[in-house]
Amino acid sequence: MTLEDLRERFVIDDEVRSERLEGLIQKALPHCVVHKNGGVEVKGARLSGRQLVKLVLAARLLASKLEGDIACDVTVEQIAEYTGLPKAQAAARAKECLDERFAERSSRGSYKARLLKIDEFLDQLAQVEKSGRTS
């Protein structure tokens, strides 16, 4: 294996390949949809507050990869609106996502999911839904 081959495998681009994007969207679809205006609609709200926030952040990032008009970052006000959580609780759960390194702060009061964390989260979400419990 050449050094160039190793570089391509080891140093990754933040842009997601279309086949990976398809897989992530397939995993997210049972849980949410994103409107053309960027609004996230959560399906079946048997999720914890933190899971709801992660789902909203993940959905917006994925949607932004499909539609250039949809912003990848989400404000605390939007998180509260999309999840139904009170604003203070939405802010606290978003901060927890930041602390867990699931998300990064894009600006004051705005958060963006980290692409490399979404796949694992969606897999965990599928397991939670299967078992019928939240964490």
C-alpha atoms as a PDB file:
ATOM      1  CA  MET A   1       0.000   0.000   0.000  1.00  0.00           C
ATOM      2  CA  THR A   2       1.416   3.357  -1.002  1.00  0.00           C
ATOM      3  CA  LEU A   3       1.680   6.373   1.236  1.00  0.00           C
ATOM      4  CA  GLU A   4      -0.981   8.091  -0.881  1.00  0.00           C
ATOM      5  CA  ASP A   5      -3.386   5.159  -0.330  1.00  0.00           C
ATOM      6  CA  LEU A   6      -2.766   5.324   3.391  1.00  0.00           C
ATOM      7  CA  ARG A   7      -3.269   9.090   3.421  1.00  0.00           C
ATOM      8  CA  GLU A   8      -6.637   8.769   1.684  1.00  0.00           C
ATOM      9  CA  ARG A   9      -7.789   6.177   4.209  1.00  0.00           C
ATOM     10  CA  PHE A  10      -6.372   7.906   7.288  1.00  0.00           C
ATOM     11  CA  VAL A  11      -7.017  11.607   6.639  1.00  0.00           C
ATOM     12  CA  ILE A  12     -10.733  11.976   6.115  1.00  0.00           C
ATOM     13  CA  ASP A  13     -12.778  14.800   4.698  1.00  0.00           C
ATOM     14  CA  ASP A  14     -15.702  16.176   6.712  1.00  0.00           C
ATOM     15  CA  GLU A  15     -17.869  15.913   3.631  1.00  0.00           C
ATOM     16  CA  VAL A  16     -19.928  12.765   3.654  1.00  0.00           C
ATOM     17  CA  ARG A  17     -20.016  10.416   0.691  1.00  0.00           C
ATOM     18  CA  SER A  18     -23.399   9.944  -0.934  1.00  0.00           C
ATOM     19  CA  GLU A  19     -23.655   6.257  -0.017  1.00  0.00           C
ATOM     20  CA  ARG A  20     -22.881   7.022   3.626  1.00  0.00           C
ATOM     21  CA  LEU A  21     -25.349   9.908   3.592  1.00  0.00           C
ATOM     22  CA  GLU A  22     -28.020   7.571   2.246  1.00  0.00           C
ATOM     23  CA  GLY A  23     -27.389   5.124   5.082  1.00  0.00           C
ATOM     24  CA  LEU A  24     -27.572   7.829   7.737  1.00  0.00           C
ATOM     25  CA  ILE A  25     -30.804   9.214   6.316  1.00  0.00           C
ATOM     26  CA  GLN A  26     -32.337   5.720   6.215  1.00  0.00           C
ATOM     27  CA  LYS A  27     -31.509   5.371   9.917  1.00  0.00           C
ATOM     28  CA  ALA A  28     -32.931   8.803  10.759  1.00  0.00           C
ATOM     29  CA  LEU A  29     -36.170   8.514   8.750  1.00  0.00           C
ATOM     30  CA  PRO A  30     -38.081   6.371  11.271  1.00  0.00           C
ATOM     31  CA  HIS A  31     -37.446   9.056  13.890  1.00  0.00           C
ATOM     32  CA  CYS A  32     -37.842  12.401  12.119  1.00  0.00           C
ATOM     33  CA  VAL A  33     -38.266  14.421   8.951  1.00  0.00           C
ATOM     34  CA  VAL A  34     -36.966  17.863   8.034  1.00  0.00           C
ATOM     35  CA  HIS A  35     -39.165  20.435   6.341  1.00  0.00           C
ATOM     36  CA  LYS A  36     -37.813  22.497   3.456  1.00  0.00           C
ATOM     37  CA  ASN A  37     -37.668  25.514   5.785  1.00  0.00           C
ATOM     38  CA  GLY A  38     -35.320  23.558   8.097  1.00  0.00           C
ATOM     39  CA  GLY A  39     -37.892  22.699  10.748  1.00  0.00           C
ATOM     40  CA  VAL A  40     -37.415  19.267  12.281  1.00  0.00           C
ATOM     41  CA  GLU A  41     -40.449  17.129  13.024  1.00  0.00           C
ATOM     42  CA  VAL A  42     -39.791  14.328  15.490  1.00  0.00           C
ATOM     43  CA  LYS A  43     -41.858  11.162  15.080  1.00  0.00           C
ATOM     44  CA  GLY A  44     -42.818   9.218  18.207  1.00  0.00           C
ATOM     45  CA  ALA A  45     -41.546  11.234  21.139  1.00  0.00           C
ATOM     46  CA  ARG A  46     -40.618   8.340  23.467  1.00  0.00           C
ATOM     47  CA  LEU A  47     -37.136   9.796  23.748  1.00  0.00           C
ATOM     48  CA  SER A  48     -35.273  11.540  26.518  1.00  0.00           C
ATOM     49  CA  GLY A  49     -34.596  15.270  26.274  1.00  0.00           C
ATOM     50  CA  ARG A  50     -30.974  14.662  25.337  1.00  0.00           C
ATOM     51  CA  GLN A  51     -31.955  12.144  22.660  1.00  0.00           C
ATOM     52  CA  LEU A  52     -34.458  14.616  21.218  1.00  0.00           C
ATOM     53  CA  VAL A  53     -31.808  17.332  21.017  1.00  0.00           C
ATOM     54  CA  LYS A  54     -29.293  14.976  19.414  1.00  0.00           C
ATOM     55  CA  LEU A  55     -31.904  13.879  16.896  1.00  0.00           C
ATOM     56  CA  VAL A  56     -32.698  17.475  15.941  1.00  0.00           C
ATOM     57  CA  LEU A  57     -29.001  18.325  15.577  1.00  0.00           C
ATOM     58  CA  ALA A  58     -28.326  15.200  13.512  1.00  0.00           C
ATOM     59  CA  ALA A  59     -31.368  15.729  11.285  1.00  0.00           C
ATOM     60  CA  ARG A  60     -30.434  19.313  10.490  1.00  0.00           C
ATOM     61  CA  LEU A  61     -26.856  18.402   9.638  1.00  0.00           C
ATOM     62  CA  LEU A  62     -27.991  15.609   7.317  1.00  0.00           C
ATOM     63  CA  ALA A  63     -30.606  17.844   5.695  1.00  0.00           C
ATOM     64  CA  SER A  64     -27.999  20.545   5.129  1.00  0.00           C
ATOM     65  CA  LYS A  65     -25.941  18.033   3.146  1.00  0.00           C
ATOM     66  CA  LEU A  66     -28.947  17.436   0.870  1.00  0.00           C
ATOM     67  CA  GLU A  67     -30.317  20.968   0.611  1.00  0.00           C
ATOM     68  CA  GLY A  68     -27.935  23.901   0.507  1.00  0.00           C
ATOM     69  CA  ASP A  69     -30.669  26.254   1.748  1.00  0.00           C
ATOM     70  CA  ILE A  70     -30.989  24.411   5.069  1.00  0.00           C
ATOM     71  CA  ALA A  71     -28.528  25.564   7.716  1.00  0.00           C
ATOM     72  CA  CYS A  72     -26.612  22.860   9.567  1.00  0.00           C
ATOM     73  CA  ASP A  73     -26.647  24.725  12.872  1.00  0.00           C
ATOM     74  CA  VAL A  74     -29.638  24.967  15.179  1.00  0.00           C
ATOM     75  CA  THR A  75     -30.369  27.669  17.745  1.00  0.00           C
ATOM     76  CA  VAL A  76     -31.567  26.915  21.263  1.00  0.00           C
ATOM     77  CA  GLU A  77     -34.895  28.534  20.373  1.00  0.00           C
ATOM     78  CA  GLN A  78     -35.274  26.183  17.407  1.00  0.00           C
ATOM     79  CA  ILE A  79     -34.300  23.178  19.510  1.00  0.00           C
ATOM     80  CA  ALA A  80     -36.995  24.128  22.024  1.00  0.00           C
ATOM     81  CA  GLU A  81     -39.554  24.561  19.247  1.00  0.00           C
ATOM     82  CA  TYR A  82     -38.766  21.271  17.489  1.00  0.00           C
ATOM     83  CA  THR A  83     -38.488  19.142  20.640  1.00  0.00           C
ATOM     84  CA  GLY A  84     -41.206  20.737  22.751  1.00  0.00           C
ATOM     85  CA  LEU A  85     -38.715  21.207  25.590  1.00  0.00           C
ATOM     86  CA  PRO A  86     -38.684  24.449  27.586  1.00  0.00           C
ATOM     87  CA  LYS A  87     -35.932  26.780  26.338  1.00  0.00           C
ATOM     88  CA  ALA A  88     -33.818  26.417  29.508  1.00  0.00           C
ATOM     89  CA  GLN A  89     -33.992  22.636  29.286  1.00  0.00           C
ATOM     90  CA  ALA A  90     -33.181  22.689  25.560  1.00  0.00           C
ATOM     91  CA  ALA A  91     -30.121  24.839  26.328  1.00  0.00           C
ATOM     92  CA  ALA A  92     -29.021  22.465  29.095  1.00  0.00           C
ATOM     93  CA  ARG A  93     -29.413  19.379  26.872  1.00  0.00           C
ATOM     94  CA  ALA A  94     -27.545  21.117  24.026  1.00  0.00           C
ATOM     95  CA  LYS A  95     -24.720  21.908  26.464  1.00  0.00           C
ATOM     96  CA  GLU A  96     -24.616  18.227  27.435  1.00  0.00           C
ATOM     97  CA  CYS A  97     -24.291  17.334  23.744  1.00  0.00           C
ATOM     98  CA  LEU A  98     -21.418  19.792  23.536  1.00  0.00           C
ATOM     99  CA  ASP A  99     -19.762  18.277  26.626  1.00  0.00           C
ATOM    100  CA  GLU A 100     -20.143  14.767  25.134  1.00  0.00           C
ATOM    101  CA  ARG A 101     -18.540  16.056  21.933  1.00  0.00           C
ATOM    102  CA  PHE A 102     -21.638  15.038  19.948  1.00  0.00           C
ATOM    103  CA  ALA A 103     -22.023  18.665  18.938  1.00  0.00           C
ATOM    104  CA  GLU A 104     -19.961  21.792  18.568  1.00  0.00           C
ATOM    105  CA  ARG A 105     -20.976  25.385  19.132  1.00  0.00           C
ATOM    106  CA  SER A 106     -21.224  27.186  15.809  1.00  0.00           C
ATOM    107  CA  SER A 107     -21.949  30.548  17.444  1.00  0.00           C
ATOM    108  CA  ARG A 108     -23.383  31.751  20.739  1.00  0.00           C
ATOM    109  CA  GLY A 109     -26.636  29.880  21.275  1.00  0.00           C
ATOM    110  CA  SER A 110     -26.248  27.746  18.126  1.00  0.00           C
ATOM    111  CA  TYR A 111     -25.129  24.151  17.882  1.00  0.00           C
ATOM    112  CA  LYS A 112     -24.123  21.770  15.115  1.00  0.00           C
ATOM    113  CA  ALA A 113     -23.834  17.974  15.270  1.00  0.00           C
ATOM    114  CA  ARG A 114     -20.475  16.360  14.585  1.00  0.00           C
ATOM    115  CA  LEU A 115     -20.849  14.199  11.516  1.00  0.00           C
ATOM    116  CA  LEU A 116     -18.695  11.375  12.859  1.00  0.00           C
ATOM    117  CA  LYS A 117     -20.964  10.966  15.913  1.00  0.00           C
ATOM    118  CA  ILE A 118     -24.290  10.668  14.087  1.00  0.00           C
ATOM    119  CA  ASP A 119     -24.024   7.048  12.928  1.00  0.00           C
ATOM    120  CA  GLU A 120     -23.364   5.693  16.420  1.00  0.00           C
ATOM    121  CA  PHE A 121     -26.179   7.809  17.880  1.00  0.00           C
ATOM    122  CA  LEU A 122     -28.710   6.623  15.296  1.00  0.00           C
ATOM    123  CA  ASP A 123     -27.716   3.008  15.977  1.00  0.00           C
ATOM    124  CA  GLN A 124     -28.232   3.581  19.713  1.00  0.00           C
ATOM    125  CA  LEU A 125     -31.562   5.237  19.010  1.00  0.00           C
ATOM    126  CA  ALA A 126     -32.723   2.210  17.027  1.00  0.00           C
ATOM    127  CA  GLN A 127     -31.807  -0.027  19.982  1.00  0.00           C
ATOM    128  CA  VAL A 128     -33.644   2.229  22.434  1.00  0.00           C
ATOM    129  CA  GLU A 129     -36.738   2.214  20.232  1.00  0.00           C
ATOM    130  CA  LYS A 130     -36.551  -1.575  19.951  1.00  0.00           C
ATOM    131  CA  SER A 131     -36.298  -2.047  23.714  1.00  0.00           C
ATOM    132  CA  GLY A 132     -38.971   0.591  24.396  1.00  0.00           C
ATOM    133  CA  ARG A 133     -36.939   2.539  26.941  1.00  0.00           C
ATOM    134  CA  THR A 134     -35.176   5.901  27.049  1.00  0.00           C
ATOM    135  CA  SER A 135     -31.814   6.753  28.547  1.00  0.00           C
END
